[in-house]
Amino acid sequence: MNLKLRSYKKELLDNDDIPFEDIKRNMQELNFINTWLGGHQITIKGLQQLAGNLKEISVCEIGCGGGDNLTAITKWCNKKNIQIKCTGIDIKEECIEFAKQNIFLKPYTEWIASDYSKVHFEHKPDVIFSSLFCHHFTEEQLAAQLQWMKENCTIGFFINDLQRNTIAYHSISMLTKIFSSSYLVKNDAPLSVARGFHKNEWRKIFFHAGIEQLNINWQWAFRHLIIYKKT
């Protein structure tokens, strides 16, 4: 695959006819990948930079999937004695159904099965974030998404997503082929890398969204952490 250009091939997970058990297995394996390849640590870093010294914070994740990111940041907040209130939004009802089975998150989290752009908050969250979500969209859709995130947060938002990279593409292809039992993960994990962005591409998307104050940093393993903080 030519990774000089971004792929727009649709991922299997974006289809509407996936059995629940297949989505469940996909969510479980994504949690494993995020845990062992440092994805959760990047999410925690993004929250940490926006939360500062706050001892109480409300957080919303769009494209929350099975809720593994919200679990990671809630555990971190508990260790730091930070009171946290979470909102998880995902367009797939199956993902929200799976996330609701997470007993640990039950006292902290409200779940919403909806297109994020149709959600209207009675009280806007302090921080909005997404992880491995943006690469599902076109550049035009992302510009609108960034504007929505900016308008609906009170402190700022951050993005944790993939860098398009040849090493990352072939590595995740090999690892999932050997270790994964999910056909969704085997197909979508390398395709997700091919649908990722370079740093200059992110800057263009933010420019078209009319957002100038951003901080973008490369993270291991082949990800970008992008932070916008309101002034």
Protein backbone atom coordinates (compact mmCIF):
# COMPACT_ATOMS: atom_id res chain seq x y z
CA MET A 1 0.00 0.00 0.00
CA ASN A 2 1.25 3.48 -0.90
CA LEU A 3 1.22 5.36 2.40
CA LYS A 4 2.34 8.63 0.85
CA LEU A 5 -1.36 9.23 0.26
CA ARG A 6 -4.07 8.72 2.85
CA SER A 7 -6.44 5.80 2.30
CA TYR A 8 -10.18 6.45 2.22
CA LYS A 9 -11.15 2.78 2.16
CA LYS A 10 -13.99 2.10 4.59
CA GLU A 11 -13.21 0.02 7.66
CA LEU A 12 -15.31 -3.05 8.44
CA LEU A 13 -16.27 -1.57 11.81
CA ASP A 14 -18.01 1.29 9.99
CA ASN A 15 -20.59 -1.14 8.60
CA ASP A 16 -24.03 -1.42 10.22
CA ASP A 17 -24.53 -5.19 10.15
CA ILE A 18 -21.82 -6.47 12.49
CA PRO A 19 -22.93 -9.10 15.07
CA PHE A 20 -22.65 -8.02 18.70
CA GLU A 21 -20.22 -10.80 19.63
CA ASP A 22 -17.86 -9.67 16.86
CA ILE A 23 -17.97 -6.07 18.07
CA LYS A 24 -17.42 -7.27 21.63
CA ARG A 25 -14.29 -9.20 20.62
CA ASN A 26 -13.07 -6.17 18.69
CA MET A 27 -13.49 -3.92 21.75
CA GLN A 28 -11.63 -6.39 23.97
CA GLU A 29 -8.67 -6.60 21.61
CA LEU A 30 -8.53 -2.82 21.13
CA ASN A 31 -8.28 -2.45 24.89
CA PHE A 32 -5.37 -4.91 24.91
CA ILE A 33 -3.63 -2.99 22.11
CA ASN A 34 -4.17 0.36 23.84
CA THR A 35 -2.84 -1.03 27.10
CA TRP A 36 0.32 -2.67 25.78
CA LEU A 37 1.26 -0.18 23.06
CA GLY A 38 0.82 2.87 25.28
CA GLY A 39 -2.42 4.27 23.88
CA HIS A 40 -4.00 4.71 27.31
CA GLN A 41 -0.93 6.52 28.60
CA ILE A 42 -1.25 9.04 25.77
CA THR A 43 -4.90 9.61 26.67
CA ILE A 44 -3.97 10.15 30.31
CA LYS A 45 -1.24 12.58 29.25
CA GLY A 46 -3.75 14.59 27.22
CA LEU A 47 -6.15 14.84 30.16
CA GLN A 48 -3.33 15.68 32.54
CA GLN A 49 -2.19 18.62 30.43
CA LEU A 50 -5.69 20.09 30.29
CA ALA A 51 -6.74 19.30 33.87
CA GLY A 52 -3.73 20.97 35.47
CA ASN A 53 -4.26 21.15 39.23
CA LEU A 54 -8.04 20.70 39.15
CA LYS A 55 -9.51 18.36 41.74
CA GLU A 56 -12.84 17.96 39.98
CA ILE A 57 -13.38 17.53 36.25
CA SER A 58 -15.99 16.42 33.72
CA VAL A 59 -14.83 14.55 30.63
CA CYS A 60 -16.56 13.44 27.44
CA GLU A 61 -15.22 10.94 24.91
CA ILE A 62 -16.71 10.85 21.42
CA GLY A 63 -16.41 7.51 19.67
CA CYS A 64 -15.95 5.88 23.07
CA GLY A 65 -16.29 2.28 21.85
CA GLY A 66 -16.19 -0.08 24.80
CA GLY A 67 -15.12 2.58 27.28
CA ASP A 68 -11.54 1.41 27.83
CA ASN A 69 -10.15 4.96 27.56
CA LEU A 70 -12.62 6.26 30.12
CA THR A 71 -11.66 3.38 32.41
CA ALA A 72 -7.98 4.30 32.14
CA ILE A 73 -8.46 8.00 32.91
CA THR A 74 -10.95 7.32 35.72
CA LYS A 75 -8.47 5.00 37.43
CA TRP A 76 -5.78 7.67 37.04
CA CYS A 77 -8.09 10.33 38.52
CA ASN A 78 -8.90 8.06 41.45
CA LYS A 79 -5.19 7.65 42.21
CA LYS A 80 -4.76 11.44 42.08
CA ASN A 81 -7.86 12.07 44.24
CA ILE A 82 -9.55 13.90 41.38
CA GLN A 83 -13.33 13.68 41.23
CA ILE A 84 -14.33 12.79 37.68
CA LYS A 85 -17.62 12.66 35.82
CA CYS A 86 -17.58 10.93 32.42
CA THR A 87 -19.79 10.92 29.36
CA GLY A 88 -19.24 8.31 26.67
CA ILE A 89 -20.78 8.83 23.23
CA ASP A 90 -20.79 6.30 20.40
CA ILE A 91 -23.02 5.99 17.36
CA LYS A 92 -23.10 2.19 17.65
CA GLU A 93 -25.62 0.95 20.17
CA GLU A 94 -23.67 -2.32 20.41
CA CYS A 95 -20.61 -0.46 21.68
CA ILE A 96 -22.64 1.37 24.31
CA GLU A 97 -24.29 -1.89 25.34
CA PHE A 98 -20.86 -3.45 25.81
CA ALA A 99 -19.54 -0.37 27.67
CA LYS A 100 -22.46 -0.47 30.11
CA GLN A 101 -21.27 -3.90 31.25
CA ASN A 102 -18.23 -2.21 32.78
CA ILE A 103 -19.18 -2.24 36.47
CA PHE A 104 -16.19 -0.08 37.44
CA LEU A 105 -17.39 2.86 35.33
CA LYS A 106 -21.04 2.68 36.40
CA PRO A 107 -20.83 5.28 39.22
CA TYR A 108 -18.86 7.72 37.06
CA THR A 109 -20.30 7.55 33.56
CA GLU A 110 -23.32 8.49 31.48
CA TRP A 111 -23.56 6.60 28.18
CA ILE A 112 -25.14 8.06 25.04
CA ALA A 113 -25.81 6.03 21.88
CA SER A 114 -25.87 8.75 19.24
CA ASP A 115 -24.02 10.58 16.52
CA TYR A 116 -21.86 12.93 18.63
CA SER A 117 -22.85 15.94 16.51
CA LYS A 118 -26.50 15.52 17.52
CA VAL A 119 -25.76 15.61 21.24
CA HIS A 120 -26.63 18.80 23.11
CA PHE A 121 -25.29 19.15 26.65
CA GLU A 122 -27.25 20.68 29.48
CA HIS A 123 -23.90 21.27 31.14
CA LYS A 124 -20.91 21.29 28.82
CA PRO A 125 -18.01 19.02 29.85
CA ASP A 126 -14.68 20.54 30.82
CA VAL A 127 -12.74 18.32 28.43
CA ILE A 128 -13.76 16.49 25.26
CA PHE A 129 -11.46 13.95 23.66
CA SER A 130 -11.27 11.20 21.08
CA SER A 131 -8.92 8.26 20.67
CA LEU A 132 -8.51 6.28 17.44
CA PHE A 133 -11.66 7.99 16.16
CA CYS A 134 -10.62 10.78 13.81
CA HIS A 135 -9.17 8.55 11.11
CA HIS A 136 -12.68 7.30 10.36
CA PHE A 137 -13.57 10.67 8.83
CA THR A 138 -12.74 12.82 5.83
CA GLU A 139 -10.82 16.05 6.27
CA GLU A 140 -14.00 18.08 5.76
CA GLN A 141 -15.86 16.06 8.36
CA LEU A 142 -12.97 16.48 10.78
CA ALA A 143 -12.97 20.27 10.42
CA ALA A 144 -16.62 20.26 11.52
CA GLN A 145 -15.80 17.80 14.31
CA LEU A 146 -13.08 20.06 15.68
CA GLN A 147 -15.46 23.02 15.67
CA TRP A 148 -18.04 20.96 17.58
CA MET A 149 -15.46 19.92 20.16
CA LYS A 150 -14.33 23.52 20.61
CA GLU A 151 -17.89 24.81 21.01
CA ASN A 152 -18.91 22.12 23.51
CA CYS A 153 -15.96 22.06 25.94
CA THR A 154 -15.20 24.61 28.65
CA ILE A 155 -11.44 23.99 29.08
CA GLY A 156 -10.28 22.31 25.88
CA PHE A 157 -10.09 19.13 23.88
CA PHE A 158 -7.47 16.61 22.83
CA ILE A 159 -7.04 13.97 20.15
CA ASN A 160 -5.08 10.72 20.37
CA ASP A 161 -4.76 9.20 16.92
CA LEU A 162 -2.52 7.36 14.51
CA GLN A 163 0.37 8.59 12.40
CA ARG A 164 0.40 7.19 8.88
CA ASN A 165 3.69 5.31 8.80
CA THR A 166 5.11 2.35 6.88
CA ILE A 167 6.73 0.74 9.94
CA ALA A 168 3.53 1.05 11.94
CA TYR A 169 1.47 -0.38 9.06
CA HIS A 170 3.58 -3.50 8.56
CA SER A 171 4.14 -4.02 12.31
CA ILE A 172 0.46 -3.98 13.23
CA SER A 173 -0.35 -6.13 10.18
CA MET A 174 2.09 -8.78 11.39
CA LEU A 175 1.10 -8.59 15.08
CA THR A 176 -2.63 -8.85 14.44
CA LYS A 177 -2.14 -11.66 11.94
CA ILE A 178 -0.29 -13.67 14.60
CA PHE A 179 -2.11 -12.77 17.80
CA SER A 180 -5.60 -11.50 16.92
CA SER A 181 -8.69 -13.71 16.73
CA SER A 182 -10.90 -10.85 15.48
CA TYR A 183 -11.39 -10.46 11.74
CA LEU A 184 -12.33 -6.83 12.45
CA VAL A 185 -9.01 -6.12 14.13
CA LYS A 186 -7.00 -7.99 11.49
CA ASN A 187 -8.60 -5.93 8.72
CA ASP A 188 -9.10 -2.58 10.42
CA ALA A 189 -5.91 -2.16 12.48
CA PRO A 190 -3.53 -1.78 9.51
CA LEU A 191 -6.18 0.09 7.53
CA SER A 192 -6.51 2.53 10.42
CA VAL A 193 -2.81 3.34 10.07
CA ALA A 194 -3.27 3.88 6.33
CA ARG A 195 -6.13 6.27 7.12
CA GLY A 196 -4.04 8.22 9.64
CA PHE A 197 -2.50 11.67 9.25
CA HIS A 198 0.87 13.37 9.10
CA LYS A 199 1.51 16.39 11.29
CA ASN A 200 1.27 18.88 8.41
CA GLU A 201 -2.08 17.35 7.39
CA TRP A 202 -3.40 17.90 10.90
CA ARG A 203 -2.33 21.54 10.77
CA LYS A 204 -4.26 22.04 7.53
CA ILE A 205 -7.39 20.49 9.05
CA PHE A 206 -7.18 22.77 12.08
CA PHE A 207 -6.62 25.75 9.78
CA HIS A 208 -9.79 24.93 7.84
CA ALA A 209 -11.63 24.57 11.15
CA GLY A 210 -10.52 28.08 12.12
CA ILE A 211 -8.56 26.87 15.15
CA GLU A 212 -5.03 28.19 15.54
CA GLN A 213 -4.07 27.44 19.15
CA LEU A 214 -3.03 23.81 19.02
CA ASN A 215 -0.17 21.74 20.31
CA ILE A 216 0.71 18.60 18.35
CA ASN A 217 3.33 16.10 19.48
CA TRP A 218 4.45 12.72 18.19
CA GLN A 219 3.98 9.86 20.65
CA TRP A 220 5.08 6.24 20.78
CA ALA A 221 3.92 4.06 19.11
CA PHE A 222 3.35 6.14 15.98
CA ARG A 223 0.61 8.39 17.28
CA HIS A 224 -0.08 12.09 17.61
CA LEU A 225 -1.36 13.83 20.72
CA ILE A 226 -3.09 17.05 19.72
CA ILE A 227 -4.21 19.47 22.42
CA TYR A 228 -6.37 22.57 22.14
CA LYS A 229 -6.84 24.70 25.26
CA LYS A 230 -9.20 27.61 25.45
CA THR A 231 -7.63 30.91 26.46
